C-alpha atoms as a PDB file:
ATOM      1  CA  UNK A   1      -4.503 -41.363  -2.826  1.00  0.00           C
ATOM      2  CA  UNK A   2      -1.440 -41.065  -0.603  1.00  0.00           C
ATOM      3  CA  UNK A   3       2.170 -41.564  -1.712  1.00  0.00           C
ATOM      4  CA  UNK A   4       5.135 -42.539   0.464  1.00  0.00           C
ATOM      5  CA  UNK A   5       7.350 -39.579   1.396  1.00  0.00           C
ATOM      6  CA  UNK A   6      10.343 -40.765  -0.646  1.00  0.00           C
ATOM      7  CA  UNK A   7       8.185 -41.465  -3.711  1.00  0.00           C
ATOM      8  CA  UNK A   8       6.579 -38.038  -3.465  1.00  0.00           C
ATOM      9  CA  UNK A   9       9.948 -36.255  -3.173  1.00  0.00           C
ATOM     10  CA  UNK A  10      11.334 -38.110  -6.195  1.00  0.00           C
ATOM     11  CA  UNK A  11       8.154 -37.404  -8.145  1.00  0.00           C
ATOM     12  CA  UNK A  12       8.326 -33.706  -7.286  1.00  0.00           C
ATOM     13  CA  UNK A  13      11.979 -33.452  -8.338  1.00  0.00           C
ATOM     14  CA  UNK A  14      11.260 -35.265 -11.601  1.00  0.00           C
ATOM     15  CA  UNK A  15       8.390 -32.899 -12.372  1.00  0.00           C
ATOM     16  CA  UNK A  16      10.602 -29.884 -11.641  1.00  0.00           C
ATOM     17  CA  UNK A  17      13.299 -31.085 -14.075  1.00  0.00           C
ATOM     18  CA  UNK A  18      10.744 -31.936 -16.762  1.00  0.00           C
ATOM     19  CA  UNK A  19       9.041 -28.541 -16.454  1.00  0.00           C
ATOM     20  CA  UNK A  20      12.408 -26.789 -16.746  1.00  0.00           C
ATOM     21  CA  UNK A  21      13.472 -28.649 -19.884  1.00  0.00           C
ATOM     22  CA  UNK A  22      10.130 -28.559 -21.672  1.00  0.00           C
ATOM     23  CA  UNK A  23       9.319 -24.922 -20.928  1.00  0.00           C
ATOM     24  CA  UNK A  24      12.724 -23.909 -22.326  1.00  0.00           C
ATOM     25  CA  UNK A  25      11.448 -24.915 -25.772  1.00  0.00           C
ATOM     26  CA  UNK A  26       7.869 -23.721 -25.289  1.00  0.00           C
ATOM     27  CA  UNK A  27       6.285 -26.973 -24.076  1.00  0.00           C
ATOM     28  CA  UNK A  28       4.429 -27.855 -20.879  1.00  0.00           C
ATOM     29  CA  UNK A  29       5.800 -31.350 -20.198  1.00  0.00           C
ATOM     30  CA  UNK A  30       2.485 -33.195 -20.317  1.00  0.00           C
ATOM     31  CA  UNK A  31       3.847 -36.222 -22.167  1.00  0.00           C
ATOM     32  CA  UNK A  32       6.502 -36.930 -19.545  1.00  0.00           C
ATOM     33  CA  UNK A  33       4.106 -36.250 -16.663  1.00  0.00           C
ATOM     34  CA  UNK A  34       1.811 -38.886 -18.140  1.00  0.00           C
ATOM     35  CA  UNK A  35       4.605 -41.437 -18.428  1.00  0.00           C
ATOM     36  CA  UNK A  36       5.866 -40.910 -14.890  1.00  0.00           C
ATOM     37  CA  UNK A  37       2.411 -40.871 -13.335  1.00  0.00           C
ATOM     38  CA  UNK A  38       1.700 -44.325 -14.744  1.00  0.00           C
ATOM     39  CA  UNK A  39       4.372 -45.595 -12.330  1.00  0.00           C
ATOM     40  CA  UNK A  40       2.679 -44.246  -9.194  1.00  0.00           C
ATOM     41  CA  UNK A  41      -1.023 -43.870  -9.981  1.00  0.00           C
ATOM     42  CA  UNK A  42      -3.513 -46.566 -10.862  1.00  0.00           C
ATOM     43  CA  UNK A  43      -6.381 -44.305 -11.910  1.00  0.00           C
ATOM     44  CA  UNK A  44      -6.283 -43.548 -15.630  1.00  0.00           C
ATOM     45  CA  UNK A  45      -8.466 -40.463 -15.127  1.00  0.00           C
ATOM     46  CA  UNK A  46      -6.241 -39.083 -12.345  1.00  0.00           C
ATOM     47  CA  UNK A  47      -3.208 -39.459 -14.614  1.00  0.00           C
ATOM     48  CA  UNK A  48      -4.810 -37.445 -17.439  1.00  0.00           C
ATOM     49  CA  UNK A  49      -6.181 -34.779 -15.090  1.00  0.00           C
ATOM     50  CA  UNK A  50      -2.878 -34.291 -13.271  1.00  0.00           C
ATOM     51  CA  UNK A  51      -0.915 -33.980 -16.512  1.00  0.00           C
ATOM     52  CA  UNK A  52      -3.291 -31.324 -17.844  1.00  0.00           C
ATOM     53  CA  UNK A  53      -3.224 -29.318 -14.601  1.00  0.00           C
ATOM     54  CA  UNK A  54       0.584 -29.381 -14.540  1.00  0.00           C
ATOM     55  CA  UNK A  55       0.660 -28.372 -18.206  1.00  0.00           C
ATOM     56  CA  UNK A  56      -1.646 -25.474 -17.477  1.00  0.00           C
ATOM     57  CA  UNK A  57       0.482 -24.298 -14.560  1.00  0.00           C
ATOM     58  CA  UNK A  58       3.720 -24.308 -16.561  1.00  0.00           C
ATOM     59  CA  UNK A  59       2.471 -22.547 -19.672  1.00  0.00           C
ATOM     60  CA  UNK A  60       0.459 -19.893 -17.843  1.00  0.00           C
ATOM     61  CA  UNK A  61       3.691 -18.539 -16.389  1.00  0.00           C
ATOM     62  CA  UNK A  62       5.492 -19.014 -19.708  1.00  0.00           C
ATOM     63  CA  UNK A  63       2.874 -17.082 -21.673  1.00  0.00           C
ATOM     64  CA  UNK A  64       3.061 -14.188 -19.230  1.00  0.00           C
ATOM     65  CA  UNK A  65       6.821 -13.867 -19.654  1.00  0.00           C
ATOM     66  CA  UNK A  66       6.687 -14.302 -23.440  1.00  0.00           C
ATOM     67  CA  UNK A  67       4.028 -11.593 -23.641  1.00  0.00           C
ATOM     68  CA  UNK A  68       5.973  -9.314 -21.311  1.00  0.00           C
ATOM     69  CA  UNK A  69       9.066  -9.651 -23.527  1.00  0.00           C
ATOM     70  CA  UNK A  70       7.180  -9.016 -26.764  1.00  0.00           C
ATOM     71  CA  UNK A  71       7.286 -12.564 -28.162  1.00  0.00           C
ATOM     72  CA  UNK A  72       3.557 -13.290 -28.031  1.00  0.00           C
ATOM     73  CA  UNK A  73       1.718 -11.601 -30.953  1.00  0.00           C
ATOM     74  CA  UNK A  74      -1.771 -12.707 -29.942  1.00  0.00           C
ATOM     75  CA  UNK A  75      -3.423 -11.519 -33.169  1.00  0.00           C
ATOM     76  CA  UNK A  76      -1.251 -13.889 -35.183  1.00  0.00           C
ATOM     77  CA  UNK A  77      -2.165 -16.797 -32.916  1.00  0.00           C
ATOM     78  CA  UNK A  78      -5.960 -16.370 -33.000  1.00  0.00           C
ATOM     79  CA  UNK A  79      -6.649 -18.745 -35.952  1.00  0.00           C
ATOM     80  CA  UNK A  80      -4.803 -21.575 -34.202  1.00  0.00           C
ATOM     81  CA  UNK A  81      -6.586 -21.237 -30.882  1.00  0.00           C
ATOM     82  CA  UNK A  82     -10.063 -20.510 -32.272  1.00  0.00           C
ATOM     83  CA  UNK A  83      -9.946 -23.772 -34.225  1.00  0.00           C
ATOM     84  CA  UNK A  84      -8.224 -25.813 -31.534  1.00  0.00           C
ATOM     85  CA  UNK A  85     -10.400 -25.028 -28.489  1.00  0.00           C
ATOM     86  CA  UNK A  86     -13.588 -26.854 -29.587  1.00  0.00           C
ATOM     87  CA  UNK A  87     -11.591 -29.730 -31.080  1.00  0.00           C
ATOM     88  CA  UNK A  88      -9.523 -30.214 -27.903  1.00  0.00           C
ATOM     89  CA  UNK A  89     -12.759 -30.198 -25.912  1.00  0.00           C
ATOM     90  CA  UNK A  90     -14.217 -32.793 -28.274  1.00  0.00           C
ATOM     91  CA  UNK A  91     -11.107 -34.970 -28.111  1.00  0.00           C
ATOM     92  CA  UNK A  92     -10.980 -34.905 -24.315  1.00  0.00           C
ATOM     93  CA  UNK A  93     -14.650 -35.849 -24.058  1.00  0.00           C
ATOM     94  CA  UNK A  94     -14.041 -39.201 -25.769  1.00  0.00           C
ATOM     95  CA  UNK A  95     -13.614 -42.025 -23.252  1.00  0.00           C
ATOM     96  CA  UNK A  96     -10.876 -43.953 -25.065  1.00  0.00           C
ATOM     97  CA  UNK A  97      -9.838 -47.401 -23.966  1.00  0.00           C
ATOM     98  CA  UNK A  98      -6.670 -47.117 -21.911  1.00  0.00           C
ATOM     99  CA  UNK A  99      -4.510 -49.170 -24.303  1.00  0.00           C
ATOM    100  CA  UNK A 100      -5.698 -47.230 -27.362  1.00  0.00           C
ATOM    101  CA  UNK A 101      -4.988 -43.963 -25.537  1.00  0.00           C
ATOM    102  CA  UNK A 102      -1.386 -44.920 -24.748  1.00  0.00           C
ATOM    103  CA  UNK A 103      -0.632 -46.266 -28.238  1.00  0.00           C
ATOM    104  CA  UNK A 104      -1.942 -43.066 -29.820  1.00  0.00           C
ATOM    105  CA  UNK A 105       0.026 -40.930 -27.360  1.00  0.00           C
ATOM    106  CA  UNK A 106       3.240 -42.902 -27.864  1.00  0.00           C
ATOM    107  CA  UNK A 107       3.176 -42.768 -31.666  1.00  0.00           C
ATOM    108  CA  UNK A 108       2.487 -39.033 -31.635  1.00  0.00           C
ATOM    109  CA  UNK A 109       5.364 -38.443 -29.205  1.00  0.00           C
ATOM    110  CA  UNK A 110       7.856 -40.566 -31.143  1.00  0.00           C
ATOM    111  CA  UNK A 111       7.118 -38.762 -34.402  1.00  0.00           C
ATOM    112  CA  UNK A 112       7.285 -35.341 -32.704  1.00  0.00           C
ATOM    113  CA  UNK A 113      10.567 -36.188 -30.952  1.00  0.00           C
ATOM    114  CA  UNK A 114      12.252 -37.340 -34.155  1.00  0.00           C
ATOM    115  CA  UNK A 115      11.111 -34.153 -35.885  1.00  0.00           C
ATOM    116  CA  UNK A 116      12.398 -31.982 -33.017  1.00  0.00           C
ATOM    117  CA  UNK A 117      15.805 -33.716 -32.965  1.00  0.00           C
ATOM    118  CA  UNK A 118      16.184 -33.529 -36.734  1.00  0.00           C
ATOM    119  CA  UNK A 119      15.199 -29.866 -36.864  1.00  0.00           C
ATOM    120  CA  UNK A 120      17.546 -28.970 -34.023  1.00  0.00           C
ATOM    121  CA  UNK A 121      20.527 -30.672 -35.695  1.00  0.00           C
ATOM    122  CA  UNK A 122      19.784 -28.928 -38.995  1.00  0.00           C
ATOM    123  CA  UNK A 123      18.750 -25.572 -37.498  1.00  0.00           C
ATOM    124  CA  UNK A 124      20.347 -22.519 -39.062  1.00  0.00           C
ATOM    125  CA  UNK A 125      20.575 -19.125 -37.431  1.00  0.00           C
ATOM    126  CA  UNK A 126      19.292 -17.332 -40.526  1.00  0.00           C
ATOM    127  CA  UNK A 127      16.357 -18.469 -42.598  1.00  0.00           C
ATOM    128  CA  UNK A 128      13.539 -16.822 -44.494  1.00  0.00           C
ATOM    129  CA  UNK A 129      10.144 -16.859 -42.801  1.00  0.00           C
ATOM    130  CA  UNK A 130       7.446 -18.084 -45.191  1.00  0.00           C
ATOM    131  CA  UNK A 131       3.923 -16.713 -45.514  1.00  0.00           C
ATOM    132  CA  UNK A 132       0.855 -18.981 -45.554  1.00  0.00           C
ATOM    133  CA  UNK A 133      -2.873 -18.307 -46.079  1.00  0.00           C
ATOM    134  CA  UNK A 134      -4.922 -18.061 -42.904  1.00  0.00           C
ATOM    135  CA  UNK A 135      -6.871 -21.271 -43.536  1.00  0.00           C
ATOM    136  CA  UNK A 136      -3.636 -23.249 -42.994  1.00  0.00           C
ATOM    137  CA  UNK A 137      -3.512 -21.971 -39.412  1.00  0.00           C
ATOM    138  CA  UNK A 138      -7.140 -22.953 -38.840  1.00  0.00           C
ATOM    139  CA  UNK A 139      -6.585 -26.454 -40.213  1.00  0.00           C
ATOM    140  CA  UNK A 140      -3.445 -27.008 -38.147  1.00  0.00           C
ATOM    141  CA  UNK A 141      -5.132 -25.689 -35.017  1.00  0.00           C
ATOM    142  CA  UNK A 142      -8.160 -27.947 -35.463  1.00  0.00           C
ATOM    143  CA  UNK A 143      -6.225 -31.118 -36.248  1.00  0.00           C
ATOM    144  CA  UNK A 144      -3.648 -30.767 -33.512  1.00  0.00           C
ATOM    145  CA  UNK A 145      -6.295 -29.559 -31.066  1.00  0.00           C
ATOM    146  CA  UNK A 146      -8.263 -32.775 -31.589  1.00  0.00           C
ATOM    147  CA  UNK A 147      -5.129 -34.896 -31.138  1.00  0.00           C
ATOM    148  CA  UNK A 148      -4.105 -33.031 -28.003  1.00  0.00           C
ATOM    149  CA  UNK A 149      -7.548 -33.519 -26.501  1.00  0.00           C
ATOM    150  CA  UNK A 150      -7.487 -37.238 -27.256  1.00  0.00           C
ATOM    151  CA  UNK A 151      -4.084 -37.869 -25.669  1.00  0.00           C
ATOM    152  CA  UNK A 152      -4.494 -35.490 -22.743  1.00  0.00           C
ATOM    153  CA  UNK A 153      -1.714 -32.969 -23.352  1.00  0.00           C
ATOM    154  CA  UNK A 154      -1.672 -29.415 -24.641  1.00  0.00           C
ATOM    155  CA  UNK A 155      -0.517 -30.130 -28.190  1.00  0.00           C
ATOM    156  CA  UNK A 156       2.376 -27.677 -28.428  1.00  0.00           C
ATOM    157  CA  UNK A 157       4.796 -30.576 -28.735  1.00  0.00           C
ATOM    158  CA  UNK A 158       2.989 -31.557 -31.939  1.00  0.00           C
ATOM    159  CA  UNK A 159       2.504 -28.041 -33.298  1.00  0.00           C
ATOM    160  CA  UNK A 160       6.044 -26.675 -32.842  1.00  0.00           C
ATOM    161  CA  UNK A 161       7.873 -29.204 -35.068  1.00  0.00           C
ATOM    162  CA  UNK A 162       5.322 -28.660 -37.843  1.00  0.00           C
ATOM    163  CA  UNK A 163       5.687 -24.875 -37.714  1.00  0.00           C
ATOM    164  CA  UNK A 164       9.482 -25.050 -37.544  1.00  0.00           C
ATOM    165  CA  UNK A 165       9.478 -27.281 -40.623  1.00  0.00           C
ATOM    166  CA  UNK A 166       7.201 -24.787 -42.385  1.00  0.00           C
ATOM    167  CA  UNK A 167       9.460 -21.879 -41.294  1.00  0.00           C
ATOM    168  CA  UNK A 168       6.308 -20.182 -40.055  1.00  0.00           C
ATOM    169  CA  UNK A 169       8.223 -17.720 -37.873  1.00  0.00           C
ATOM    170  CA  UNK A 170      11.320 -17.345 -35.692  1.00  0.00           C
ATOM    171  CA  UNK A 171      11.927 -20.175 -33.193  1.00  0.00           C
ATOM    172  CA  UNK A 172      11.223 -17.928 -30.191  1.00  0.00           C
ATOM    173  CA  UNK A 173       7.815 -16.911 -31.638  1.00  0.00           C
ATOM    174  CA  UNK A 174       6.963 -20.542 -32.398  1.00  0.00           C
ATOM    175  CA  UNK A 175       7.925 -21.472 -28.823  1.00  0.00           C
ATOM    176  CA  UNK A 176       5.623 -18.766 -27.480  1.00  0.00           C
ATOM    177  CA  UNK A 177       2.796 -19.974 -29.738  1.00  0.00           C
ATOM    178  CA  UNK A 178       3.358 -23.537 -28.517  1.00  0.00           C
ATOM    179  CA  UNK A 179       2.985 -22.346 -24.921  1.00  0.00           C
ATOM    180  CA  UNK A 180      -0.155 -20.359 -25.705  1.00  0.00           C
ATOM    181  CA  UNK A 181      -1.575 -23.270 -27.708  1.00  0.00           C
ATOM    182  CA  UNK A 182      -0.962 -25.598 -24.756  1.00  0.00           C
ATOM    183  CA  UNK A 183      -2.607 -23.098 -22.417  1.00  0.00           C
ATOM    184  CA  UNK A 184      -5.907 -22.864 -24.277  1.00  0.00           C
ATOM    185  CA  UNK A 185      -6.038 -26.567 -25.123  1.00  0.00           C
ATOM    186  CA  UNK A 186      -5.302 -27.582 -21.537  1.00  0.00           C
ATOM    187  CA  UNK A 187      -8.206 -25.444 -20.329  1.00  0.00           C
ATOM    188  CA  UNK A 188     -10.431 -26.903 -23.037  1.00  0.00           C
ATOM    189  CA  UNK A 189      -9.241 -30.419 -22.277  1.00  0.00           C
ATOM    190  CA  UNK A 190     -10.006 -30.030 -18.588  1.00  0.00           C
ATOM    191  CA  UNK A 191     -13.486 -28.888 -19.572  1.00  0.00           C
ATOM    192  CA  UNK A 192     -13.868 -32.028 -21.665  1.00  0.00           C
ATOM    193  CA  UNK A 193     -12.845 -34.177 -18.699  1.00  0.00           C
ATOM    194  CA  UNK A 194     -15.498 -32.488 -16.561  1.00  0.00           C
ATOM    195  CA  UNK A 195     -18.196 -33.093 -19.174  1.00  0.00           C
ATOM    196  CA  UNK A 196     -17.264 -36.767 -19.550  1.00  0.00           C
ATOM    197  CA  UNK A 197     -17.078 -37.175 -15.749  1.00  0.00           C
ATOM    198  CA  UNK A 198     -13.381 -38.079 -16.040  1.00  0.00           C
ATOM    199  CA  UNK A 199     -11.880 -35.263 -13.944  1.00  0.00           C
ATOM    200  CA  UNK A 200     -10.059 -36.759 -10.954  1.00  0.00           C
ATOM    201  CA  UNK A 201      -7.222 -35.428  -8.778  1.00  0.00           C
ATOM    202  CA  UNK A 202      -5.223 -36.997  -5.975  1.00  0.00           C
ATOM    203  CA  UNK A 203      -5.079 -34.825  -2.884  1.00  0.00           C
ATOM    204  CA  UNK A 204      -2.999 -33.245  -1.343  1.00  0.00           C
ATOM    205  CA  UNK A 205       0.017 -34.343  -3.422  1.00  0.00           C
ATOM    206  CA  UNK A 206      -1.244 -32.392  -6.420  1.00  0.00           C
ATOM    207  CA  UNK A 207      -0.368 -29.132  -4.645  1.00  0.00           C
ATOM    208  CA  UNK A 208       3.297 -30.099  -4.351  1.00  0.00           C
ATOM    209  CA  UNK A 209       3.469 -31.157  -7.985  1.00  0.00           C
ATOM    210  CA  UNK A 210       1.880 -27.917  -9.178  1.00  0.00           C
ATOM    211  CA  UNK A 211       4.364 -25.888  -7.152  1.00  0.00           C
ATOM    212  CA  UNK A 212       7.289 -27.904  -8.563  1.00  0.00           C
ATOM    213  CA  UNK A 213       6.247 -27.422 -12.190  1.00  0.00           C
ATOM    214  CA  UNK A 214       5.553 -23.739 -11.595  1.00  0.00           C
ATOM    215  CA  UNK A 215       9.126 -23.206 -10.364  1.00  0.00           C
ATOM    216  CA  UNK A 216      10.624 -25.373 -13.101  1.00  0.00           C
ATOM    217  CA  UNK A 217       8.549 -23.668 -15.762  1.00  0.00           C
ATOM    218  CA  UNK A 218       9.667 -20.223 -14.665  1.00  0.00           C
ATOM    219  CA  UNK A 219      13.307 -21.310 -14.806  1.00  0.00           C
ATOM    220  CA  UNK A 220      12.933 -22.910 -18.225  1.00  0.00           C
ATOM    221  CA  UNK A 221      11.132 -20.046 -19.931  1.00  0.00           C
ATOM    222  CA  UNK A 222      13.779 -17.627 -18.689  1.00  0.00           C
ATOM    223  CA  UNK A 223      16.401 -19.824 -20.343  1.00  0.00           C
ATOM    224  CA  UNK A 224      14.306 -19.713 -23.514  1.00  0.00           C
ATOM    225  CA  UNK A 225      14.025 -15.924 -23.525  1.00  0.00           C
ATOM    226  CA  UNK A 226      17.648 -15.391 -22.569  1.00  0.00           C
ATOM    227  CA  UNK A 227      19.258 -18.070 -24.746  1.00  0.00           C
ATOM    228  CA  UNK A 228      16.664 -18.456 -27.516  1.00  0.00           C
ATOM    229  CA  UNK A 229      16.263 -22.153 -26.701  1.00  0.00           C
ATOM    230  CA  UNK A 230      19.891 -23.315 -26.792  1.00  0.00           C
ATOM    231  CA  UNK A 231      20.614 -26.236 -29.094  1.00  0.00           C
ATOM    232  CA  UNK A 232      21.652 -28.589 -26.294  1.00  0.00           C
ATOM    233  CA  UNK A 233      18.423 -27.953 -24.382  1.00  0.00           C
ATOM    234  CA  UNK A 234      16.361 -28.663 -27.501  1.00  0.00           C
ATOM    235  CA  UNK A 235      18.278 -31.865 -28.193  1.00  0.00           C
ATOM    236  CA  UNK A 236      18.003 -33.046 -24.610  1.00  0.00           C
ATOM    237  CA  UNK A 237      14.273 -32.369 -24.646  1.00  0.00           C
ATOM    238  CA  UNK A 238      13.890 -34.179 -27.963  1.00  0.00           C
ATOM    239  CA  UNK A 239      15.664 -37.283 -26.685  1.00  0.00           C
ATOM    240  CA  UNK A 240      13.639 -37.172 -23.474  1.00  0.00           C
ATOM    241  CA  UNK A 241      10.398 -37.045 -25.479  1.00  0.00           C
ATOM    242  CA  UNK A 242      11.635 -39.923 -27.653  1.00  0.00           C
ATOM    243  CA  UNK A 243      12.459 -42.043 -24.604  1.00  0.00           C
ATOM    244  CA  UNK A 244       9.073 -41.277 -23.072  1.00  0.00           C
ATOM    245  CA  UNK A 245       7.288 -42.171 -26.314  1.00  0.00           C
ATOM    246  CA  UNK A 246       9.084 -45.508 -26.665  1.00  0.00           C
ATOM    247  CA  UNK A 247       8.527 -46.342 -23.018  1.00  0.00           C
ATOM    248  CA  UNK A 248       4.823 -45.522 -23.148  1.00  0.00           C
ATOM    249  CA  UNK A 249       4.425 -47.598 -26.330  1.00  0.00           C
ATOM    250  CA  UNK A 250       6.160 -50.654 -24.898  1.00  0.00           C
ATOM    251  CA  UNK A 251       4.948 -50.605 -21.319  1.00  0.00           C
ATOM    252  CA  UNK A 252       1.507 -49.002 -21.468  1.00  0.00           C
ATOM    253  CA  UNK A 253       0.474 -49.542 -25.077  1.00  0.00           C
ATOM    254  CA  UNK A 254       1.866 -52.955 -26.010  1.00  0.00           C
ATOM    255  CA  UNK A 255       2.343 -54.049 -22.373  1.00  0.00           C
ATOM    256  CA  UNK A 256       5.915 -55.228 -22.945  1.00  0.00           C
ATOM    257  CA  UNK A 257       7.740 -55.008 -19.609  1.00  0.00           C
ATOM    258  CA  UNK A 258      11.187 -54.021 -20.861  1.00  0.00           C
ATOM    259  CA  UNK A 259      11.166 -51.041 -18.475  1.00  0.00           C
ATOM    260  CA  UNK A 260      10.469 -51.392 -14.798  1.00  0.00           C
END
């Protein structure tokens, strides 16, 4: 598929901004990539594949920097990823009807956005980290892994608000876990698309989009490490996710054309 030059430039800029904002709070941006791609692509499979590839590009760079700066304790993250990988693969292998897919995605995004906004407004600089048995991590990883596979994004945007509410660890560690969670689930989700014969990319525009999200992701994660995910960035990201969720629900799920 070929896009007009102006459309491609605008799409690339939008992806850069999204990657910057989302990576600053440990996310990959998959939800917003999905919403924007519905405006320019007609293939449902190409939309899901592109969002996952962009997710993967952003969080790979993020995980490297988090690990380099000592914010990625892999041993602590193992229960989440071990449980999530097969479930994300399973979720991605289901060939959902397009309308069901978008309704499920939209509702998950709206709930996650409200949680992120609420937590950011009530966030305190000092709080006591709580300890949980290991099976809680396995259950969370499996459940959110399945959901992320179904809706075609990495799942960090669902996991982070839950862990922040639980006071599982410091916000910077939760952000790094969200990035790592997105990384493994994106790889697993892509595998599920291959198995279900749903993997489809649009060439050569995908190269420009991947480069844009790589640059935006590197900028955003540096803001995260340097500023510990500033409150305004978290709020802006939360409202962006909320807008995307509402738009996807109305336009793609319920097919109400309030947004052009």
